[in-house]
Amino acid sequence: WGQPGSVVMGLFAAGVLNILCREAGSMGIEQACFIMPVNEGAIKVTPQAAALDTAGLVFALYRAHHGNRLLKCADASPDGDIDACASLSPGGEQVFVTAVNRGITGPCTLDLVVKDFDGIAKASAKLLVPPRIDRSETAFNVVDTELTVIDGNRVSATLPPGSIARVTFGQAAAGPETVVRWTENI
């Protein structure tokens, strides 16, 4: 799964977090530990500084799901390149979808549709994009972007190869049967 701090390790961490988010309820998981020693995952420490490495950036991205209600999410993409989880904030005003493009050959476009969450006022995405997918690559480029809301409940986002995106939908209340669906276009 790559060297500590590598982009490959960040992608691995995102996959683990998606599984834990999606399967915790059905498997009775109340808490989980992703333990990596200092300088071998999450935080890189030098004599003068400390900074998040690729796994740390992934954990920071997934922080938006903490304390939220898990939403039913459509099955993964047919080719298995897209992995995602979704949650609803405690007040019901925001939906978070975190998706990973595990494919390494090309981008994919996600068309995210949130059922029973009409009237979305805004949507944005934060992406972690690797300059290249390689065990020796140790950085993600962080890209923030506003997304155009279509028909009050849909947005599209392009995920470069090996990237991780958190899409945030805001300003509406959702019913208990909220389902997040996506379609993959290559």
C-alpha atoms as a PDB file:
ATOM      1  CA  TRP A   1       0.000   0.000   0.000  1.00  0.00           C
ATOM      2  CA  GLY A   2       2.937   2.277  -0.477  1.00  0.00           C
ATOM      3  CA  GLN A   3       5.549   3.954   1.629  1.00  0.00           C
ATOM      4  CA  PRO A   4       4.553   5.926   4.736  1.00  0.00           C
ATOM      5  CA  GLY A   5       3.336   9.340   3.653  1.00  0.00           C
ATOM      6  CA  SER A   6       2.904   8.359   0.011  1.00  0.00           C
ATOM      7  CA  VAL A   7      -0.065   9.123  -2.218  1.00  0.00           C
ATOM      8  CA  VAL A   8      -0.720   5.379  -2.387  1.00  0.00           C
ATOM      9  CA  MET A   9      -0.984   5.294   1.421  1.00  0.00           C
ATOM     10  CA  GLY A  10      -3.425   8.231   1.273  1.00  0.00           C
ATOM     11  CA  LEU A  11      -5.606   6.326  -1.200  1.00  0.00           C
ATOM     12  CA  PHE A  12      -5.449   3.258   1.049  1.00  0.00           C
ATOM     13  CA  ALA A  13      -6.526   5.356   4.067  1.00  0.00           C
ATOM     14  CA  ALA A  14      -9.470   6.782   2.095  1.00  0.00           C
ATOM     15  CA  GLY A  15     -10.610   3.276   1.163  1.00  0.00           C
ATOM     16  CA  VAL A  16     -10.416   2.111   4.777  1.00  0.00           C
ATOM     17  CA  LEU A  17     -12.387   5.138   5.980  1.00  0.00           C
ATOM     18  CA  ASN A  18     -15.079   4.601   3.326  1.00  0.00           C
ATOM     19  CA  ILE A  19     -15.490   0.977   4.385  1.00  0.00           C
ATOM     20  CA  LEU A  20     -15.708   1.935   8.054  1.00  0.00           C
ATOM     21  CA  CYS A  21     -18.250   4.685   7.329  1.00  0.00           C
ATOM     22  CA  ARG A  22     -20.456   2.446   5.192  1.00  0.00           C
ATOM     23  CA  GLU A  23     -20.259  -0.796   7.156  1.00  0.00           C
ATOM     24  CA  ALA A  24     -20.049   0.338  10.792  1.00  0.00           C
ATOM     25  CA  GLY A  25     -23.779   0.038  11.450  1.00  0.00           C
ATOM     26  CA  SER A  26     -24.320  -3.343   9.833  1.00  0.00           C
ATOM     27  CA  MET A  27     -21.197  -4.779  11.467  1.00  0.00           C
ATOM     28  CA  GLY A  28     -21.730  -3.228  14.903  1.00  0.00           C
ATOM     29  CA  ILE A  29     -18.517  -1.192  14.771  1.00  0.00           C
ATOM     30  CA  GLU A  30     -18.756   1.653  17.270  1.00  0.00           C
ATOM     31  CA  GLN A  31     -15.174   2.819  16.964  1.00  0.00           C
ATOM     32  CA  ALA A  32     -12.091   1.895  15.011  1.00  0.00           C
ATOM     33  CA  CYS A  33      -8.420   2.770  15.205  1.00  0.00           C
ATOM     34  CA  PHE A  34      -6.190   3.467  12.265  1.00  0.00           C
ATOM     35  CA  ILE A  35      -2.843   3.392  13.986  1.00  0.00           C
ATOM     36  CA  MET A  36       0.253   4.589  12.221  1.00  0.00           C
ATOM     37  CA  PRO A  37       3.254   5.696  14.277  1.00  0.00           C
ATOM     38  CA  VAL A  38       4.535   9.252  13.920  1.00  0.00           C
ATOM     39  CA  ASN A  39       6.527   9.704  10.697  1.00  0.00           C
ATOM     40  CA  GLU A  40       4.945   6.531   9.349  1.00  0.00           C
ATOM     41  CA  GLY A  41       1.472   7.899   8.749  1.00  0.00           C
ATOM     42  CA  ALA A  42      -0.764  10.943   9.270  1.00  0.00           C
ATOM     43  CA  ILE A  43       1.783  13.392  10.752  1.00  0.00           C
ATOM     44  CA  LYS A  44       5.311  14.015   9.584  1.00  0.00           C
ATOM     45  CA  VAL A  45       7.495  15.438  12.331  1.00  0.00           C
ATOM     46  CA  THR A  46      10.844  17.177  11.856  1.00  0.00           C
ATOM     47  CA  PRO A  47      12.947  18.930  14.513  1.00  0.00           C
ATOM     48  CA  GLN A  48      11.354  22.294  13.650  1.00  0.00           C
ATOM     49  CA  ALA A  49       7.865  21.429  12.436  1.00  0.00           C
ATOM     50  CA  ALA A  50       5.001  18.989  12.148  1.00  0.00           C
ATOM     51  CA  ALA A  51       2.617  18.702   9.205  1.00  0.00           C
ATOM     52  CA  LEU A  52      -0.077  16.379   7.922  1.00  0.00           C
ATOM     53  CA  ASP A  53       1.152  13.872   5.381  1.00  0.00           C
ATOM     54  CA  THR A  54      -1.107  12.285   2.751  1.00  0.00           C
ATOM     55  CA  ALA A  55      -2.981  10.081   5.264  1.00  0.00           C
ATOM     56  CA  GLY A  56      -3.395  13.074   7.584  1.00  0.00           C
ATOM     57  CA  LEU A  57      -4.890  15.131   4.751  1.00  0.00           C
ATOM     58  CA  VAL A  58      -7.323  12.287   4.045  1.00  0.00           C
ATOM     59  CA  PHE A  59      -8.365  12.115   7.705  1.00  0.00           C
ATOM     60  CA  ALA A  60      -8.890  15.893   7.718  1.00  0.00           C
ATOM     61  CA  LEU A  61     -11.084  15.555   4.603  1.00  0.00           C
ATOM     62  CA  TYR A  62     -13.203  12.849   6.237  1.00  0.00           C
ATOM     63  CA  ARG A  63     -13.602  14.885   9.430  1.00  0.00           C
ATOM     64  CA  ALA A  64     -16.780  16.339   7.913  1.00  0.00           C
ATOM     65  CA  HIS A  65     -18.513  12.949   8.457  1.00  0.00           C
ATOM     66  CA  HIS A  66     -17.802  12.849  12.208  1.00  0.00           C
ATOM     67  CA  GLY A  67     -20.970  12.819  14.302  1.00  0.00           C
ATOM     68  CA  ASN A  68     -23.221  12.711  11.241  1.00  0.00           C
ATOM     69  CA  ARG A  69     -25.918  10.246  10.232  1.00  0.00           C
ATOM     70  CA  LEU A  70     -24.779   7.796   7.589  1.00  0.00           C
ATOM     71  CA  LEU A  71     -26.797   7.956   4.389  1.00  0.00           C
ATOM     72  CA  LYS A  72     -27.613   5.079   2.126  1.00  0.00           C
ATOM     73  CA  CYS A  73     -25.281   5.308  -0.848  1.00  0.00           C
ATOM     74  CA  ALA A  74     -25.639   3.684  -4.248  1.00  0.00           C
ATOM     75  CA  ASP A  75     -23.419   0.700  -4.932  1.00  0.00           C
ATOM     76  CA  ALA A  76     -19.889   1.343  -6.115  1.00  0.00           C
ATOM     77  CA  SER A  77     -19.304   1.944  -9.788  1.00  0.00           C
ATOM     78  CA  PRO A  78     -19.466  -1.110 -12.071  1.00  0.00           C
ATOM     79  CA  ASP A  79     -15.722  -1.070 -12.745  1.00  0.00           C
ATOM     80  CA  GLY A  80     -14.903  -0.617  -9.048  1.00  0.00           C
ATOM     81  CA  ASP A  81     -12.919   2.592  -9.567  1.00  0.00           C
ATOM     82  CA  ILE A  82     -15.310   4.790  -7.581  1.00  0.00           C
ATOM     83  CA  ASP A  83     -15.708   4.273  -3.854  1.00  0.00           C
ATOM     84  CA  ALA A  84     -17.895   6.630  -1.831  1.00  0.00           C
ATOM     85  CA  CYS A  85     -19.684   7.270   1.415  1.00  0.00           C
ATOM     86  CA  ALA A  86     -22.221   9.926   2.402  1.00  0.00           C
ATOM     87  CA  SER A  87     -23.555  11.470   5.582  1.00  0.00           C
ATOM     88  CA  LEU A  88     -26.075  14.053   6.788  1.00  0.00           C
ATOM     89  CA  SER A  89     -25.117  16.700   9.336  1.00  0.00           C
ATOM     90  CA  PRO A  90     -26.906  16.519  12.723  1.00  0.00           C
ATOM     91  CA  GLY A  91     -29.144  19.502  11.897  1.00  0.00           C
ATOM     92  CA  GLY A  92     -30.002  18.115   8.458  1.00  0.00           C
ATOM     93  CA  GLU A  93     -28.654  21.157   6.633  1.00  0.00           C
ATOM     94  CA  GLN A  94     -25.684  19.580   4.840  1.00  0.00           C
ATOM     95  CA  VAL A  95     -24.891  16.365   2.999  1.00  0.00           C
ATOM     96  CA  PHE A  96     -21.274  15.269   2.629  1.00  0.00           C
ATOM     97  CA  VAL A  97     -20.162  12.791  -0.021  1.00  0.00           C
ATOM     98  CA  THR A  98     -16.586  11.594  -0.044  1.00  0.00           C
ATOM     99  CA  ALA A  99     -15.538   9.772  -3.195  1.00  0.00           C
ATOM    100  CA  VAL A 100     -12.292   8.156  -4.267  1.00  0.00           C
ATOM    101  CA  ASN A 101     -11.285   7.623  -7.895  1.00  0.00           C
ATOM    102  CA  ARG A 102      -9.163   4.487  -7.497  1.00  0.00           C
ATOM    103  CA  GLY A 103      -8.566   4.418 -11.230  1.00  0.00           C
ATOM    104  CA  ILE A 104      -5.102   5.477 -12.303  1.00  0.00           C
ATOM    105  CA  THR A 105      -5.567   5.837 -16.052  1.00  0.00           C
ATOM    106  CA  GLY A 106      -8.041   8.664 -16.402  1.00  0.00           C
ATOM    107  CA  PRO A 107     -10.496  11.052 -14.795  1.00  0.00           C
ATOM    108  CA  CYS A 108     -14.134  10.315 -14.131  1.00  0.00           C
ATOM    109  CA  THR A 109     -17.074  12.637 -13.824  1.00  0.00           C
ATOM    110  CA  LEU A 110     -19.405  12.084 -10.908  1.00  0.00           C
ATOM    111  CA  ASP A 111     -22.998  13.140 -11.346  1.00  0.00           C
ATOM    112  CA  LEU A 112     -24.161  13.204  -7.729  1.00  0.00           C
ATOM    113  CA  VAL A 113     -27.891  13.185  -7.104  1.00  0.00           C
ATOM    114  CA  VAL A 114     -29.284  13.555  -3.590  1.00  0.00           C
ATOM    115  CA  LYS A 115     -32.824  12.189  -3.336  1.00  0.00           C
ATOM    116  CA  ASP A 116     -35.192  13.921  -0.851  1.00  0.00           C
ATOM    117  CA  PHE A 117     -32.845  16.886  -0.492  1.00  0.00           C
ATOM    118  CA  ASP A 118     -34.364  19.466  -2.802  1.00  0.00           C
ATOM    119  CA  GLY A 119     -33.533  23.131  -2.902  1.00  0.00           C
ATOM    120  CA  ILE A 120     -29.796  22.910  -2.417  1.00  0.00           C
ATOM    121  CA  ALA A 121     -28.507  26.468  -2.315  1.00  0.00           C
ATOM    122  CA  LYS A 122     -24.836  25.689  -2.790  1.00  0.00           C
ATOM    123  CA  ALA A 123     -22.331  22.925  -3.328  1.00  0.00           C
ATOM    124  CA  SER A 124     -18.563  22.785  -3.194  1.00  0.00           C
ATOM    125  CA  ALA A 125     -15.776  20.252  -3.487  1.00  0.00           C
ATOM    126  CA  LYS A 126     -12.394  19.860  -1.864  1.00  0.00           C
ATOM    127  CA  LEU A 127     -10.136  17.539  -3.833  1.00  0.00           C
ATOM    128  CA  LEU A 128      -6.864  15.873  -2.985  1.00  0.00           C
ATOM    129  CA  VAL A 129      -5.152  15.399  -6.338  1.00  0.00           C
ATOM    130  CA  PRO A 130      -1.814  13.609  -6.713  1.00  0.00           C
ATOM    131  CA  PRO A 131       0.707  15.173  -9.126  1.00  0.00           C
ATOM    132  CA  ARG A 132       1.421  11.563 -10.134  1.00  0.00           C
ATOM    133  CA  ILE A 133       0.434   8.181  -8.781  1.00  0.00           C
ATOM    134  CA  ASP A 134       3.614   6.644  -7.563  1.00  0.00           C
ATOM    135  CA  ARG A 135       4.863   5.075  -4.325  1.00  0.00           C
ATOM    136  CA  SER A 136       7.475   7.786  -4.076  1.00  0.00           C
ATOM    137  CA  GLU A 137       5.002  10.681  -4.496  1.00  0.00           C
ATOM    138  CA  THR A 138       4.444  12.214  -1.066  1.00  0.00           C
ATOM    139  CA  ALA A 139       2.044  15.097  -1.675  1.00  0.00           C
ATOM    140  CA  PHE A 140      -1.474  15.837  -2.767  1.00  0.00           C
ATOM    141  CA  ASN A 141      -2.417  19.117  -4.377  1.00  0.00           C
ATOM    142  CA  VAL A 142      -5.430  20.516  -2.513  1.00  0.00           C
ATOM    143  CA  VAL A 143      -8.071  22.022  -4.811  1.00  0.00           C
ATOM    144  CA  ASP A 144     -11.192  23.859  -3.585  1.00  0.00           C
ATOM    145  CA  THR A 145     -13.960  24.527  -6.078  1.00  0.00           C
ATOM    146  CA  GLU A 146     -17.567  25.703  -6.156  1.00  0.00           C
ATOM    147  CA  LEU A 147     -19.978  23.418  -8.005  1.00  0.00           C
ATOM    148  CA  THR A 148     -23.053  24.331 -10.025  1.00  0.00           C
ATOM    149  CA  VAL A 149     -26.277  22.947  -8.554  1.00  0.00           C
ATOM    150  CA  ILE A 150     -28.603  21.472 -11.188  1.00  0.00           C
ATOM    151  CA  ASP A 151     -32.366  21.090 -10.535  1.00  0.00           C
ATOM    152  CA  GLY A 152     -31.887  21.744  -6.806  1.00  0.00           C
ATOM    153  CA  ASN A 153     -30.411  18.332  -5.961  1.00  0.00           C
ATOM    154  CA  ARG A 154     -27.636  17.421  -8.415  1.00  0.00           C
ATOM    155  CA  VAL A 155     -24.024  18.402  -9.019  1.00  0.00           C
ATOM    156  CA  SER A 156     -21.232  17.119 -11.210  1.00  0.00           C
ATOM    157  CA  ALA A 157     -17.590  16.915 -10.240  1.00  0.00           C
ATOM    158  CA  THR A 158     -14.587  15.626 -12.180  1.00  0.00           C
ATOM    159  CA  LEU A 159     -12.172  13.447 -10.240  1.00  0.00           C
ATOM    160  CA  PRO A 160      -8.670  13.146 -11.684  1.00  0.00           C
ATOM    161  CA  PRO A 161      -7.009   9.715 -11.489  1.00  0.00           C
ATOM    162  CA  GLY A 162      -6.122   8.688  -7.933  1.00  0.00           C
ATOM    163  CA  SER A 163      -7.941  11.643  -6.401  1.00  0.00           C
ATOM    164  CA  ILE A 164     -10.182  11.958  -3.375  1.00  0.00           C
ATOM    165  CA  ALA A 165     -13.035  14.471  -3.207  1.00  0.00           C
ATOM    166  CA  ARG A 166     -15.374  15.658  -0.505  1.00  0.00           C
ATOM    167  CA  VAL A 167     -18.496  17.210  -2.013  1.00  0.00           C
ATOM    168  CA  THR A 168     -20.628  19.314   0.321  1.00  0.00           C
ATOM    169  CA  PHE A 169     -24.278  20.076  -0.417  1.00  0.00           C
ATOM    170  CA  GLY A 170     -25.861  22.705   1.782  1.00  0.00           C
ATOM    171  CA  GLN A 171     -28.885  24.688   2.939  1.00  0.00           C
ATOM    172  CA  ALA A 172     -31.736  22.163   2.906  1.00  0.00           C
ATOM    173  CA  ALA A 173     -33.335  19.565   5.145  1.00  0.00           C
ATOM    174  CA  ALA A 174     -33.433  15.914   4.193  1.00  0.00           C
ATOM    175  CA  GLY A 175     -35.893  13.166   4.933  1.00  0.00           C
ATOM    176  CA  PRO A 176     -34.996   9.845   6.548  1.00  0.00           C
ATOM    177  CA  GLU A 177     -34.813   8.033   3.218  1.00  0.00           C
ATOM    178  CA  THR A 178     -32.167  10.237   1.674  1.00  0.00           C
ATOM    179  CA  VAL A 179     -30.191   8.282  -0.881  1.00  0.00           C
ATOM    180  CA  VAL A 180     -27.080   9.485  -2.637  1.00  0.00           C
ATOM    181  CA  ARG A 181     -26.662   8.196  -6.175  1.00  0.00           C
ATOM    182  CA  TRP A 182     -23.896   8.794  -8.648  1.00  0.00           C
ATOM    183  CA  THR A 183     -23.196   7.907 -12.214  1.00  0.00           C
ATOM    184  CA  GLU A 184     -19.726   7.536 -13.601  1.00  0.00           C
ATOM    185  CA  ASN A 185     -18.752   8.951 -16.962  1.00  0.00           C
ATOM    186  CA  ILE A 186     -15.328   8.410 -18.384  1.00  0.00           C
END
